[in-house]
């Protein structure tokens, strides 16, 4: 699994993960 809540509203960054059609 991957957790992407990096606490944007608490001073952390807003984060996106990038996926393609090959890797999981």
PDBML (XML) file of the C-alpha atoms, coordinates in Angstrom:
<?xml version="1.0" encoding="UTF-8" ?>
<PDBx:datablock datablockName="MODEL"
   xmlns:PDBx="http://pdbml.pdb.org/schema/pdbx-v50.xsd"
   xmlns:xsi="http://www.w3.org/2001/XMLSchema-instance"
   xsi:schemaLocation="http://pdbml.pdb.org/schema/pdbx-v50.xsd pdbx-v50.xsd">
   <PDBx:atom_siteCategory>
      <PDBx:atom_site id="1">
         <PDBx:B_iso_or_equiv>0.00</PDBx:B_iso_or_equiv>
         <PDBx:Cartn_x>0.000</PDBx:Cartn_x>
         <PDBx:Cartn_y>0.000</PDBx:Cartn_y>
         <PDBx:Cartn_z>0.000</PDBx:Cartn_z>
         <PDBx:auth_asym_id>A</PDBx:auth_asym_id>
         <PDBx:auth_atom_id>CA</PDBx:auth_atom_id>
         <PDBx:auth_comp_id>UNK</PDBx:auth_comp_id>
         <PDBx:auth_seq_id>1</PDBx:auth_seq_id>
         <PDBx:group_PDB>ATOM</PDBx:group_PDB>
         <PDBx:label_alt_id xsi:nil="true" />
         <PDBx:label_asym_id>A</PDBx:label_asym_id>
         <PDBx:label_atom_id>CA</PDBx:label_atom_id>
         <PDBx:label_comp_id>UNK</PDBx:label_comp_id>
         <PDBx:label_entity_id>1</PDBx:label_entity_id>
         <PDBx:label_seq_id>1</PDBx:label_seq_id>
         <PDBx:occupancy>1.00</PDBx:occupancy>
         <PDBx:pdbx_PDB_model_num>1</PDBx:pdbx_PDB_model_num>
         <PDBx:type_symbol>C</PDBx:type_symbol>
      </PDBx:atom_site>
      <PDBx:atom_site id="2">
         <PDBx:B_iso_or_equiv>0.00</PDBx:B_iso_or_equiv>
         <PDBx:Cartn_x>0.871</PDBx:Cartn_x>
         <PDBx:Cartn_y>3.682</PDBx:Cartn_y>
         <PDBx:Cartn_z>-0.310</PDBx:Cartn_z>
         <PDBx:auth_asym_id>A</PDBx:auth_asym_id>
         <PDBx:auth_atom_id>CA</PDBx:auth_atom_id>
         <PDBx:auth_comp_id>UNK</PDBx:auth_comp_id>
         <PDBx:auth_seq_id>2</PDBx:auth_seq_id>
         <PDBx:group_PDB>ATOM</PDBx:group_PDB>
         <PDBx:label_alt_id xsi:nil="true" />
         <PDBx:label_asym_id>A</PDBx:label_asym_id>
         <PDBx:label_atom_id>CA</PDBx:label_atom_id>
         <PDBx:label_comp_id>UNK</PDBx:label_comp_id>
         <PDBx:label_entity_id>1</PDBx:label_entity_id>
         <PDBx:label_seq_id>2</PDBx:label_seq_id>
         <PDBx:occupancy>1.00</PDBx:occupancy>
         <PDBx:pdbx_PDB_model_num>1</PDBx:pdbx_PDB_model_num>
         <PDBx:type_symbol>C</PDBx:type_symbol>
      </PDBx:atom_site>
      <PDBx:atom_site id="3">
         <PDBx:B_iso_or_equiv>0.00</PDBx:B_iso_or_equiv>
         <PDBx:Cartn_x>-0.332</PDBx:Cartn_x>
         <PDBx:Cartn_y>6.444</PDBx:Cartn_y>
         <PDBx:Cartn_z>2.015</PDBx:Cartn_z>
         <PDBx:auth_asym_id>A</PDBx:auth_asym_id>
         <PDBx:auth_atom_id>CA</PDBx:auth_atom_id>
         <PDBx:auth_comp_id>UNK</PDBx:auth_comp_id>
         <PDBx:auth_seq_id>3</PDBx:auth_seq_id>
         <PDBx:group_PDB>ATOM</PDBx:group_PDB>
         <PDBx:label_alt_id xsi:nil="true" />
         <PDBx:label_asym_id>A</PDBx:label_asym_id>
         <PDBx:label_atom_id>CA</PDBx:label_atom_id>
         <PDBx:label_comp_id>UNK</PDBx:label_comp_id>
         <PDBx:label_entity_id>1</PDBx:label_entity_id>
         <PDBx:label_seq_id>3</PDBx:label_seq_id>
         <PDBx:occupancy>1.00</PDBx:occupancy>
         <PDBx:pdbx_PDB_model_num>1</PDBx:pdbx_PDB_model_num>
         <PDBx:type_symbol>C</PDBx:type_symbol>
      </PDBx:atom_site>
      <PDBx:atom_site id="4">
         <PDBx:B_iso_or_equiv>0.00</PDBx:B_iso_or_equiv>
         <PDBx:Cartn_x>-0.331</PDBx:Cartn_x>
         <PDBx:Cartn_y>9.893</PDBx:Cartn_y>
         <PDBx:Cartn_z>0.401</PDBx:Cartn_z>
         <PDBx:auth_asym_id>A</PDBx:auth_asym_id>
         <PDBx:auth_atom_id>CA</PDBx:auth_atom_id>
         <PDBx:auth_comp_id>UNK</PDBx:auth_comp_id>
         <PDBx:auth_seq_id>4</PDBx:auth_seq_id>
         <PDBx:group_PDB>ATOM</PDBx:group_PDB>
         <PDBx:label_alt_id xsi:nil="true" />
         <PDBx:label_asym_id>A</PDBx:label_asym_id>
         <PDBx:label_atom_id>CA</PDBx:label_atom_id>
         <PDBx:label_comp_id>UNK</PDBx:label_comp_id>
         <PDBx:label_entity_id>1</PDBx:label_entity_id>
         <PDBx:label_seq_id>4</PDBx:label_seq_id>
         <PDBx:occupancy>1.00</PDBx:occupancy>
         <PDBx:pdbx_PDB_model_num>1</PDBx:pdbx_PDB_model_num>
         <PDBx:type_symbol>C</PDBx:type_symbol>
      </PDBx:atom_site>
      <PDBx:atom_site id="5">
         <PDBx:B_iso_or_equiv>0.00</PDBx:B_iso_or_equiv>
         <PDBx:Cartn_x>-1.699</PDBx:Cartn_x>
         <PDBx:Cartn_y>12.012</PDBx:Cartn_y>
         <PDBx:Cartn_z>3.255</PDBx:Cartn_z>
         <PDBx:auth_asym_id>A</PDBx:auth_asym_id>
         <PDBx:auth_atom_id>CA</PDBx:auth_atom_id>
         <PDBx:auth_comp_id>UNK</PDBx:auth_comp_id>
         <PDBx:auth_seq_id>5</PDBx:auth_seq_id>
         <PDBx:group_PDB>ATOM</PDBx:group_PDB>
         <PDBx:label_alt_id xsi:nil="true" />
         <PDBx:label_asym_id>A</PDBx:label_asym_id>
         <PDBx:label_atom_id>CA</PDBx:label_atom_id>
         <PDBx:label_comp_id>UNK</PDBx:label_comp_id>
         <PDBx:label_entity_id>1</PDBx:label_entity_id>
         <PDBx:label_seq_id>5</PDBx:label_seq_id>
         <PDBx:occupancy>1.00</PDBx:occupancy>
         <PDBx:pdbx_PDB_model_num>1</PDBx:pdbx_PDB_model_num>
         <PDBx:type_symbol>C</PDBx:type_symbol>
      </PDBx:atom_site>
      <PDBx:atom_site id="6">
         <PDBx:B_iso_or_equiv>0.00</PDBx:B_iso_or_equiv>
         <PDBx:Cartn_x>1.395</PDBx:Cartn_x>
         <PDBx:Cartn_y>14.082</PDBx:Cartn_y>
         <PDBx:Cartn_z>3.956</PDBx:Cartn_z>
         <PDBx:auth_asym_id>A</PDBx:auth_asym_id>
         <PDBx:auth_atom_id>CA</PDBx:auth_atom_id>
         <PDBx:auth_comp_id>UNK</PDBx:auth_comp_id>
         <PDBx:auth_seq_id>6</PDBx:auth_seq_id>
         <PDBx:group_PDB>ATOM</PDBx:group_PDB>
         <PDBx:label_alt_id xsi:nil="true" />
         <PDBx:label_asym_id>A</PDBx:label_asym_id>
         <PDBx:label_atom_id>CA</PDBx:label_atom_id>
         <PDBx:label_comp_id>UNK</PDBx:label_comp_id>
         <PDBx:label_entity_id>1</PDBx:label_entity_id>
         <PDBx:label_seq_id>6</PDBx:label_seq_id>
         <PDBx:occupancy>1.00</PDBx:occupancy>
         <PDBx:pdbx_PDB_model_num>1</PDBx:pdbx_PDB_model_num>
         <PDBx:type_symbol>C</PDBx:type_symbol>
      </PDBx:atom_site>
      <PDBx:atom_site id="7">
         <PDBx:B_iso_or_equiv>0.00</PDBx:B_iso_or_equiv>
         <PDBx:Cartn_x>-0.456</PDBx:Cartn_x>
         <PDBx:Cartn_y>16.599</PDBx:Cartn_y>
         <PDBx:Cartn_z>6.134</PDBx:Cartn_z>
         <PDBx:auth_asym_id>A</PDBx:auth_asym_id>
         <PDBx:auth_atom_id>CA</PDBx:auth_atom_id>
         <PDBx:auth_comp_id>UNK</PDBx:auth_comp_id>
         <PDBx:auth_seq_id>7</PDBx:auth_seq_id>
         <PDBx:group_PDB>ATOM</PDBx:group_PDB>
         <PDBx:label_alt_id xsi:nil="true" />
         <PDBx:label_asym_id>A</PDBx:label_asym_id>
         <PDBx:label_atom_id>CA</PDBx:label_atom_id>
         <PDBx:label_comp_id>UNK</PDBx:label_comp_id>
         <PDBx:label_entity_id>1</PDBx:label_entity_id>
         <PDBx:label_seq_id>7</PDBx:label_seq_id>
         <PDBx:occupancy>1.00</PDBx:occupancy>
         <PDBx:pdbx_PDB_model_num>1</PDBx:pdbx_PDB_model_num>
         <PDBx:type_symbol>C</PDBx:type_symbol>
      </PDBx:atom_site>
      <PDBx:atom_site id="8">
         <PDBx:B_iso_or_equiv>0.00</PDBx:B_iso_or_equiv>
         <PDBx:Cartn_x>-0.959</PDBx:Cartn_x>
         <PDBx:Cartn_y>19.487</PDBx:Cartn_y>
         <PDBx:Cartn_z>3.725</PDBx:Cartn_z>
         <PDBx:auth_asym_id>A</PDBx:auth_asym_id>
         <PDBx:auth_atom_id>CA</PDBx:auth_atom_id>
         <PDBx:auth_comp_id>UNK</PDBx:auth_comp_id>
         <PDBx:auth_seq_id>8</PDBx:auth_seq_id>
         <PDBx:group_PDB>ATOM</PDBx:group_PDB>
         <PDBx:label_alt_id xsi:nil="true" />
         <PDBx:label_asym_id>A</PDBx:label_asym_id>
         <PDBx:label_atom_id>CA</PDBx:label_atom_id>
         <PDBx:label_comp_id>UNK</PDBx:label_comp_id>
         <PDBx:label_entity_id>1</PDBx:label_entity_id>
         <PDBx:label_seq_id>8</PDBx:label_seq_id>
         <PDBx:occupancy>1.00</PDBx:occupancy>
         <PDBx:pdbx_PDB_model_num>1</PDBx:pdbx_PDB_model_num>
         <PDBx:type_symbol>C</PDBx:type_symbol>
      </PDBx:atom_site>
      <PDBx:atom_site id="9">
         <PDBx:B_iso_or_equiv>0.00</PDBx:B_iso_or_equiv>
         <PDBx:Cartn_x>-3.261</PDBx:Cartn_x>
         <PDBx:Cartn_y>21.294</PDBx:Cartn_y>
         <PDBx:Cartn_z>6.153</PDBx:Cartn_z>
         <PDBx:auth_asym_id>A</PDBx:auth_asym_id>
         <PDBx:auth_atom_id>CA</PDBx:auth_atom_id>
         <PDBx:auth_comp_id>UNK</PDBx:auth_comp_id>
         <PDBx:auth_seq_id>9</PDBx:auth_seq_id>
         <PDBx:group_PDB>ATOM</PDBx:group_PDB>
         <PDBx:label_alt_id xsi:nil="true" />
         <PDBx:label_asym_id>A</PDBx:label_asym_id>
         <PDBx:label_atom_id>CA</PDBx:label_atom_id>
         <PDBx:label_comp_id>UNK</PDBx:label_comp_id>
         <PDBx:label_entity_id>1</PDBx:label_entity_id>
         <PDBx:label_seq_id>9</PDBx:label_seq_id>
         <PDBx:occupancy>1.00</PDBx:occupancy>
         <PDBx:pdbx_PDB_model_num>1</PDBx:pdbx_PDB_model_num>
         <PDBx:type_symbol>C</PDBx:type_symbol>
      </PDBx:atom_site>
      <PDBx:atom_site id="10">
         <PDBx:B_iso_or_equiv>0.00</PDBx:B_iso_or_equiv>
         <PDBx:Cartn_x>-0.821</PDBx:Cartn_x>
         <PDBx:Cartn_y>20.797</PDBx:Cartn_y>
         <PDBx:Cartn_z>9.043</PDBx:Cartn_z>
         <PDBx:auth_asym_id>A</PDBx:auth_asym_id>
         <PDBx:auth_atom_id>CA</PDBx:auth_atom_id>
         <PDBx:auth_comp_id>UNK</PDBx:auth_comp_id>
         <PDBx:auth_seq_id>10</PDBx:auth_seq_id>
         <PDBx:group_PDB>ATOM</PDBx:group_PDB>
         <PDBx:label_alt_id xsi:nil="true" />
         <PDBx:label_asym_id>A</PDBx:label_asym_id>
         <PDBx:label_atom_id>CA</PDBx:label_atom_id>
         <PDBx:label_comp_id>UNK</PDBx:label_comp_id>
         <PDBx:label_entity_id>1</PDBx:label_entity_id>
         <PDBx:label_seq_id>10</PDBx:label_seq_id>
         <PDBx:occupancy>1.00</PDBx:occupancy>
         <PDBx:pdbx_PDB_model_num>1</PDBx:pdbx_PDB_model_num>
         <PDBx:type_symbol>C</PDBx:type_symbol>
      </PDBx:atom_site>
      <PDBx:atom_site id="11">
         <PDBx:B_iso_or_equiv>0.00</PDBx:B_iso_or_equiv>
         <PDBx:Cartn_x>2.166</PDBx:Cartn_x>
         <PDBx:Cartn_y>22.415</PDBx:Cartn_y>
         <PDBx:Cartn_z>7.353</PDBx:Cartn_z>
         <PDBx:auth_asym_id>A</PDBx:auth_asym_id>
         <PDBx:auth_atom_id>CA</PDBx:auth_atom_id>
         <PDBx:auth_comp_id>UNK</PDBx:auth_comp_id>
         <PDBx:auth_seq_id>11</PDBx:auth_seq_id>
         <PDBx:group_PDB>ATOM</PDBx:group_PDB>
         <PDBx:label_alt_id xsi:nil="true" />
         <PDBx:label_asym_id>A</PDBx:label_asym_id>
         <PDBx:label_atom_id>CA</PDBx:label_atom_id>
         <PDBx:label_comp_id>UNK</PDBx:label_comp_id>
         <PDBx:label_entity_id>1</PDBx:label_entity_id>
         <PDBx:label_seq_id>11</PDBx:label_seq_id>
         <PDBx:occupancy>1.00</PDBx:occupancy>
         <PDBx:pdbx_PDB_model_num>1</PDBx:pdbx_PDB_model_num>
         <PDBx:type_symbol>C</PDBx:type_symbol>
      </PDBx:atom_site>
      <PDBx:atom_site id="12">
         <PDBx:B_iso_or_equiv>0.00</PDBx:B_iso_or_equiv>
         <PDBx:Cartn_x>3.307</PDBx:Cartn_x>
         <PDBx:Cartn_y>19.420</PDBx:Cartn_y>
         <PDBx:Cartn_z>5.331</PDBx:Cartn_z>
         <PDBx:auth_asym_id>A</PDBx:auth_asym_id>
         <PDBx:auth_atom_id>CA</PDBx:auth_atom_id>
         <PDBx:auth_comp_id>UNK</PDBx:auth_comp_id>
         <PDBx:auth_seq_id>12</PDBx:auth_seq_id>
         <PDBx:group_PDB>ATOM</PDBx:group_PDB>
         <PDBx:label_alt_id xsi:nil="true" />
         <PDBx:label_asym_id>A</PDBx:label_asym_id>
         <PDBx:label_atom_id>CA</PDBx:label_atom_id>
         <PDBx:label_comp_id>UNK</PDBx:label_comp_id>
         <PDBx:label_entity_id>1</PDBx:label_entity_id>
         <PDBx:label_seq_id>12</PDBx:label_seq_id>
         <PDBx:occupancy>1.00</PDBx:occupancy>
         <PDBx:pdbx_PDB_model_num>1</PDBx:pdbx_PDB_model_num>
         <PDBx:type_symbol>C</PDBx:type_symbol>
      </PDBx:atom_site>
      <PDBx:atom_site id="13">
         <PDBx:B_iso_or_equiv>0.00</PDBx:B_iso_or_equiv>
         <PDBx:Cartn_x>3.374</PDBx:Cartn_x>
         <PDBx:Cartn_y>19.235</PDBx:Cartn_y>
         <PDBx:Cartn_z>1.546</PDBx:Cartn_z>
         <PDBx:auth_asym_id>A</PDBx:auth_asym_id>
         <PDBx:auth_atom_id>CA</PDBx:auth_atom_id>
         <PDBx:auth_comp_id>UNK</PDBx:auth_comp_id>
         <PDBx:auth_seq_id>13</PDBx:auth_seq_id>
         <PDBx:group_PDB>ATOM</PDBx:group_PDB>
         <PDBx:label_alt_id xsi:nil="true" />
         <PDBx:label_asym_id>A</PDBx:label_asym_id>
         <PDBx:label_atom_id>CA</PDBx:label_atom_id>
         <PDBx:label_comp_id>UNK</PDBx:label_comp_id>
         <PDBx:label_entity_id>1</PDBx:label_entity_id>
         <PDBx:label_seq_id>13</PDBx:label_seq_id>
         <PDBx:occupancy>1.00</PDBx:occupancy>
         <PDBx:pdbx_PDB_model_num>1</PDBx:pdbx_PDB_model_num>
         <PDBx:type_symbol>C</PDBx:type_symbol>
      </PDBx:atom_site>
      <PDBx:atom_site id="14">
         <PDBx:B_iso_or_equiv>0.00</PDBx:B_iso_or_equiv>
         <PDBx:Cartn_x>0.533</PDBx:Cartn_x>
         <PDBx:Cartn_y>18.211</PDBx:Cartn_y>
         <PDBx:Cartn_z>-0.733</PDBx:Cartn_z>
         <PDBx:auth_asym_id>A</PDBx:auth_asym_id>
         <PDBx:auth_atom_id>CA</PDBx:auth_atom_id>
         <PDBx:auth_comp_id>UNK</PDBx:auth_comp_id>
         <PDBx:auth_seq_id>14</PDBx:auth_seq_id>
         <PDBx:group_PDB>ATOM</PDBx:group_PDB>
         <PDBx:label_alt_id xsi:nil="true" />
         <PDBx:label_asym_id>A</PDBx:label_asym_id>
         <PDBx:label_atom_id>CA</PDBx:label_atom_id>
         <PDBx:label_comp_id>UNK</PDBx:label_comp_id>
         <PDBx:label_entity_id>1</PDBx:label_entity_id>
         <PDBx:label_seq_id>14</PDBx:label_seq_id>
         <PDBx:occupancy>1.00</PDBx:occupancy>
         <PDBx:pdbx_PDB_model_num>1</PDBx:pdbx_PDB_model_num>
         <PDBx:type_symbol>C</PDBx:type_symbol>
      </PDBx:atom_site>
      <PDBx:atom_site id="15">
         <PDBx:B_iso_or_equiv>0.00</PDBx:B_iso_or_equiv>
         <PDBx:Cartn_x>1.760</PDBx:Cartn_x>
         <PDBx:Cartn_y>15.095</PDBx:Cartn_y>
         <PDBx:Cartn_z>-2.491</PDBx:Cartn_z>
         <PDBx:auth_asym_id>A</PDBx:auth_asym_id>
         <PDBx:auth_atom_id>CA</PDBx:auth_atom_id>
         <PDBx:auth_comp_id>UNK</PDBx:auth_comp_id>
         <PDBx:auth_seq_id>15</PDBx:auth_seq_id>
         <PDBx:group_PDB>ATOM</PDBx:group_PDB>
         <PDBx:label_alt_id xsi:nil="true" />
         <PDBx:label_asym_id>A</PDBx:label_asym_id>
         <PDBx:label_atom_id>CA</PDBx:label_atom_id>
         <PDBx:label_comp_id>UNK</PDBx:label_comp_id>
         <PDBx:label_entity_id>1</PDBx:label_entity_id>
         <PDBx:label_seq_id>15</PDBx:label_seq_id>
         <PDBx:occupancy>1.00</PDBx:occupancy>
         <PDBx:pdbx_PDB_model_num>1</PDBx:pdbx_PDB_model_num>
         <PDBx:type_symbol>C</PDBx:type_symbol>
      </PDBx:atom_site>
      <PDBx:atom_site id="16">
         <PDBx:B_iso_or_equiv>0.00</PDBx:B_iso_or_equiv>
         <PDBx:Cartn_x>0.992</PDBx:Cartn_x>
         <PDBx:Cartn_y>13.181</PDBx:Cartn_y>
         <PDBx:Cartn_z>-5.679</PDBx:Cartn_z>
         <PDBx:auth_asym_id>A</PDBx:auth_asym_id>
         <PDBx:auth_atom_id>CA</PDBx:auth_atom_id>
         <PDBx:auth_comp_id>UNK</PDBx:auth_comp_id>
         <PDBx:auth_seq_id>16</PDBx:auth_seq_id>
         <PDBx:group_PDB>ATOM</PDBx:group_PDB>
         <PDBx:label_alt_id xsi:nil="true" />
         <PDBx:label_asym_id>A</PDBx:label_asym_id>
         <PDBx:label_atom_id>CA</PDBx:label_atom_id>
         <PDBx:label_comp_id>UNK</PDBx:label_comp_id>
         <PDBx:label_entity_id>1</PDBx:label_entity_id>
         <PDBx:label_seq_id>16</PDBx:label_seq_id>
         <PDBx:occupancy>1.00</PDBx:occupancy>
         <PDBx:pdbx_PDB_model_num>1</PDBx:pdbx_PDB_model_num>
         <PDBx:type_symbol>C</PDBx:type_symbol>
      </PDBx:atom_site>
      <PDBx:atom_site id="17">
         <PDBx:B_iso_or_equiv>0.00</PDBx:B_iso_or_equiv>
         <PDBx:Cartn_x>2.293</PDBx:Cartn_x>
         <PDBx:Cartn_y>9.744</PDBx:Cartn_y>
         <PDBx:Cartn_z>-6.613</PDBx:Cartn_z>
         <PDBx:auth_asym_id>A</PDBx:auth_asym_id>
         <PDBx:auth_atom_id>CA</PDBx:auth_atom_id>
         <PDBx:auth_comp_id>UNK</PDBx:auth_comp_id>
         <PDBx:auth_seq_id>17</PDBx:auth_seq_id>
         <PDBx:group_PDB>ATOM</PDBx:group_PDB>
         <PDBx:label_alt_id xsi:nil="true" />
         <PDBx:label_asym_id>A</PDBx:label_asym_id>
         <PDBx:label_atom_id>CA</PDBx:label_atom_id>
         <PDBx:label_comp_id>UNK</PDBx:label_comp_id>
         <PDBx:label_entity_id>1</PDBx:label_entity_id>
         <PDBx:label_seq_id>17</PDBx:label_seq_id>
         <PDBx:occupancy>1.00</PDBx:occupancy>
         <PDBx:pdbx_PDB_model_num>1</PDBx:pdbx_PDB_model_num>
         <PDBx:type_symbol>C</PDBx:type_symbol>
      </PDBx:atom_site>
      <PDBx:atom_site id="18">
         <PDBx:B_iso_or_equiv>0.00</PDBx:B_iso_or_equiv>
         <PDBx:Cartn_x>2.939</PDBx:Cartn_x>
         <PDBx:Cartn_y>9.007</PDBx:Cartn_y>
         <PDBx:Cartn_z>-10.274</PDBx:Cartn_z>
         <PDBx:auth_asym_id>A</PDBx:auth_asym_id>
         <PDBx:auth_atom_id>CA</PDBx:auth_atom_id>
         <PDBx:auth_comp_id>UNK</PDBx:auth_comp_id>
         <PDBx:auth_seq_id>18</PDBx:auth_seq_id>
         <PDBx:group_PDB>ATOM</PDBx:group_PDB>
         <PDBx:label_alt_id xsi:nil="true" />
         <PDBx:label_asym_id>A</PDBx:label_asym_id>
         <PDBx:label_atom_id>CA</PDBx:label_atom_id>
         <PDBx:label_comp_id>UNK</PDBx:label_comp_id>
         <PDBx:label_entity_id>1</PDBx:label_entity_id>
         <PDBx:label_seq_id>18</PDBx:label_seq_id>
         <PDBx:occupancy>1.00</PDBx:occupancy>
         <PDBx:pdbx_PDB_model_num>1</PDBx:pdbx_PDB_model_num>
         <PDBx:type_symbol>C</PDBx:type_symbol>
      </PDBx:atom_site>
      <PDBx:atom_site id="19">
         <PDBx:B_iso_or_equiv>0.00</PDBx:B_iso_or_equiv>
         <PDBx:Cartn_x>2.009</PDBx:Cartn_x>
         <PDBx:Cartn_y>5.643</PDBx:Cartn_y>
         <PDBx:Cartn_z>-11.790</PDBx:Cartn_z>
         <PDBx:auth_asym_id>A</PDBx:auth_asym_id>
         <PDBx:auth_atom_id>CA</PDBx:auth_atom_id>
         <PDBx:auth_comp_id>UNK</PDBx:auth_comp_id>
         <PDBx:auth_seq_id>19</PDBx:auth_seq_id>
         <PDBx:group_PDB>ATOM</PDBx:group_PDB>
         <PDBx:label_alt_id xsi:nil="true" />
         <PDBx:label_asym_id>A</PDBx:label_asym_id>
         <PDBx:label_atom_id>CA</PDBx:label_atom_id>
         <PDBx:label_comp_id>UNK</PDBx:label_comp_id>
         <PDBx:label_entity_id>1</PDBx:label_entity_id>
         <PDBx:label_seq_id>19</PDBx:label_seq_id>
         <PDBx:occupancy>1.00</PDBx:occupancy>
         <PDBx:pdbx_PDB_model_num>1</PDBx:pdbx_PDB_model_num>
         <PDBx:type_symbol>C</PDBx:type_symbol>
      </PDBx:atom_site>
      <PDBx:atom_site id="20">
         <PDBx:B_iso_or_equiv>0.00</PDBx:B_iso_or_equiv>
         <PDBx:Cartn_x>2.441</PDBx:Cartn_x>
         <PDBx:Cartn_y>4.259</PDBx:Cartn_y>
         <PDBx:Cartn_z>-15.297</PDBx:Cartn_z>
         <PDBx:auth_asym_id>A</PDBx:auth_asym_id>
         <PDBx:auth_atom_id>CA</PDBx:auth_atom_id>
         <PDBx:auth_comp_id>UNK</PDBx:auth_comp_id>
         <PDBx:auth_seq_id>20</PDBx:auth_seq_id>
         <PDBx:group_PDB>ATOM</PDBx:group_PDB>
         <PDBx:label_alt_id xsi:nil="true" />
         <PDBx:label_asym_id>A</PDBx:label_asym_id>
         <PDBx:label_atom_id>CA</PDBx:label_atom_id>
         <PDBx:label_comp_id>UNK</PDBx:label_comp_id>
         <PDBx:label_entity_id>1</PDBx:label_entity_id>
         <PDBx:label_seq_id>20</PDBx:label_seq_id>
         <PDBx:occupancy>1.00</PDBx:occupancy>
         <PDBx:pdbx_PDB_model_num>1</PDBx:pdbx_PDB_model_num>
         <PDBx:type_symbol>C</PDBx:type_symbol>
      </PDBx:atom_site>
      <PDBx:atom_site id="21">
         <PDBx:B_iso_or_equiv>0.00</PDBx:B_iso_or_equiv>
         <PDBx:Cartn_x>0.979</PDBx:Cartn_x>
         <PDBx:Cartn_y>1.290</PDBx:Cartn_y>
         <PDBx:Cartn_z>-17.160</PDBx:Cartn_z>
         <PDBx:auth_asym_id>A</PDBx:auth_asym_id>
         <PDBx:auth_atom_id>CA</PDBx:auth_atom_id>
         <PDBx:auth_comp_id>UNK</PDBx:auth_comp_id>
         <PDBx:auth_seq_id>21</PDBx:auth_seq_id>
         <PDBx:group_PDB>ATOM</PDBx:group_PDB>
         <PDBx:label_alt_id xsi:nil="true" />
         <PDBx:label_asym_id>A</PDBx:label_asym_id>
         <PDBx:label_atom_id>CA</PDBx:label_atom_id>
         <PDBx:label_comp_id>UNK</PDBx:label_comp_id>
         <PDBx:label_entity_id>1</PDBx:label_entity_id>
         <PDBx:label_seq_id>21</PDBx:label_seq_id>
         <PDBx:occupancy>1.00</PDBx:occupancy>
         <PDBx:pdbx_PDB_model_num>1</PDBx:pdbx_PDB_model_num>
         <PDBx:type_symbol>C</PDBx:type_symbol>
      </PDBx:atom_site>
      <PDBx:atom_site id="22">
         <PDBx:B_iso_or_equiv>0.00</PDBx:B_iso_or_equiv>
         <PDBx:Cartn_x>3.979</PDBx:Cartn_x>
         <PDBx:Cartn_y>-0.985</PDBx:Cartn_y>
         <PDBx:Cartn_z>-16.519</PDBx:Cartn_z>
         <PDBx:auth_asym_id>A</PDBx:auth_asym_id>
         <PDBx:auth_atom_id>CA</PDBx:auth_atom_id>
         <PDBx:auth_comp_id>UNK</PDBx:auth_comp_id>
         <PDBx:auth_seq_id>22</PDBx:auth_seq_id>
         <PDBx:group_PDB>ATOM</PDBx:group_PDB>
         <PDBx:label_alt_id xsi:nil="true" />
         <PDBx:label_asym_id>A</PDBx:label_asym_id>
         <PDBx:label_atom_id>CA</PDBx:label_atom_id>
         <PDBx:label_comp_id>UNK</PDBx:label_comp_id>
         <PDBx:label_entity_id>1</PDBx:label_entity_id>
         <PDBx:label_seq_id>22</PDBx:label_seq_id>
         <PDBx:occupancy>1.00</PDBx:occupancy>
         <PDBx:pdbx_PDB_model_num>1</PDBx:pdbx_PDB_model_num>
         <PDBx:type_symbol>C</PDBx:type_symbol>
      </PDBx:atom_site>
      <PDBx:atom_site id="23">
         <PDBx:B_iso_or_equiv>0.00</PDBx:B_iso_or_equiv>
         <PDBx:Cartn_x>5.012</PDBx:Cartn_x>
         <PDBx:Cartn_y>-0.871</PDBx:Cartn_y>
         <PDBx:Cartn_z>-12.850</PDBx:Cartn_z>
         <PDBx:auth_asym_id>A</PDBx:auth_asym_id>
         <PDBx:auth_atom_id>CA</PDBx:auth_atom_id>
         <PDBx:auth_comp_id>UNK</PDBx:auth_comp_id>
         <PDBx:auth_seq_id>23</PDBx:auth_seq_id>
         <PDBx:group_PDB>ATOM</PDBx:group_PDB>
         <PDBx:label_alt_id xsi:nil="true" />
         <PDBx:label_asym_id>A</PDBx:label_asym_id>
         <PDBx:label_atom_id>CA</PDBx:label_atom_id>
         <PDBx:label_comp_id>UNK</PDBx:label_comp_id>
         <PDBx:label_entity_id>1</PDBx:label_entity_id>
         <PDBx:label_seq_id>23</PDBx:label_seq_id>
         <PDBx:occupancy>1.00</PDBx:occupancy>
         <PDBx:pdbx_PDB_model_num>1</PDBx:pdbx_PDB_model_num>
         <PDBx:type_symbol>C</PDBx:type_symbol>
      </PDBx:atom_site>
      <PDBx:atom_site id="24">
         <PDBx:B_iso_or_equiv>0.00</PDBx:B_iso_or_equiv>
         <PDBx:Cartn_x>2.515</PDBx:Cartn_x>
         <PDBx:Cartn_y>-1.547</PDBx:Cartn_y>
         <PDBx:Cartn_z>-10.070</PDBx:Cartn_z>
         <PDBx:auth_asym_id>A</PDBx:auth_asym_id>
         <PDBx:auth_atom_id>CA</PDBx:auth_atom_id>
         <PDBx:auth_comp_id>UNK</PDBx:auth_comp_id>
         <PDBx:auth_seq_id>24</PDBx:auth_seq_id>
         <PDBx:group_PDB>ATOM</PDBx:group_PDB>
         <PDBx:label_alt_id xsi:nil="true" />
         <PDBx:label_asym_id>A</PDBx:label_asym_id>
         <PDBx:label_atom_id>CA</PDBx:label_atom_id>
         <PDBx:label_comp_id>UNK</PDBx:label_comp_id>
         <PDBx:label_entity_id>1</PDBx:label_entity_id>
         <PDBx:label_seq_id>24</PDBx:label_seq_id>
         <PDBx:occupancy>1.00</PDBx:occupancy>
         <PDBx:pdbx_PDB_model_num>1</PDBx:pdbx_PDB_model_num>
         <PDBx:type_symbol>C</PDBx:type_symbol>
      </PDBx:atom_site>
   </PDBx:atom_siteCategory>
</PDBx:datablock>
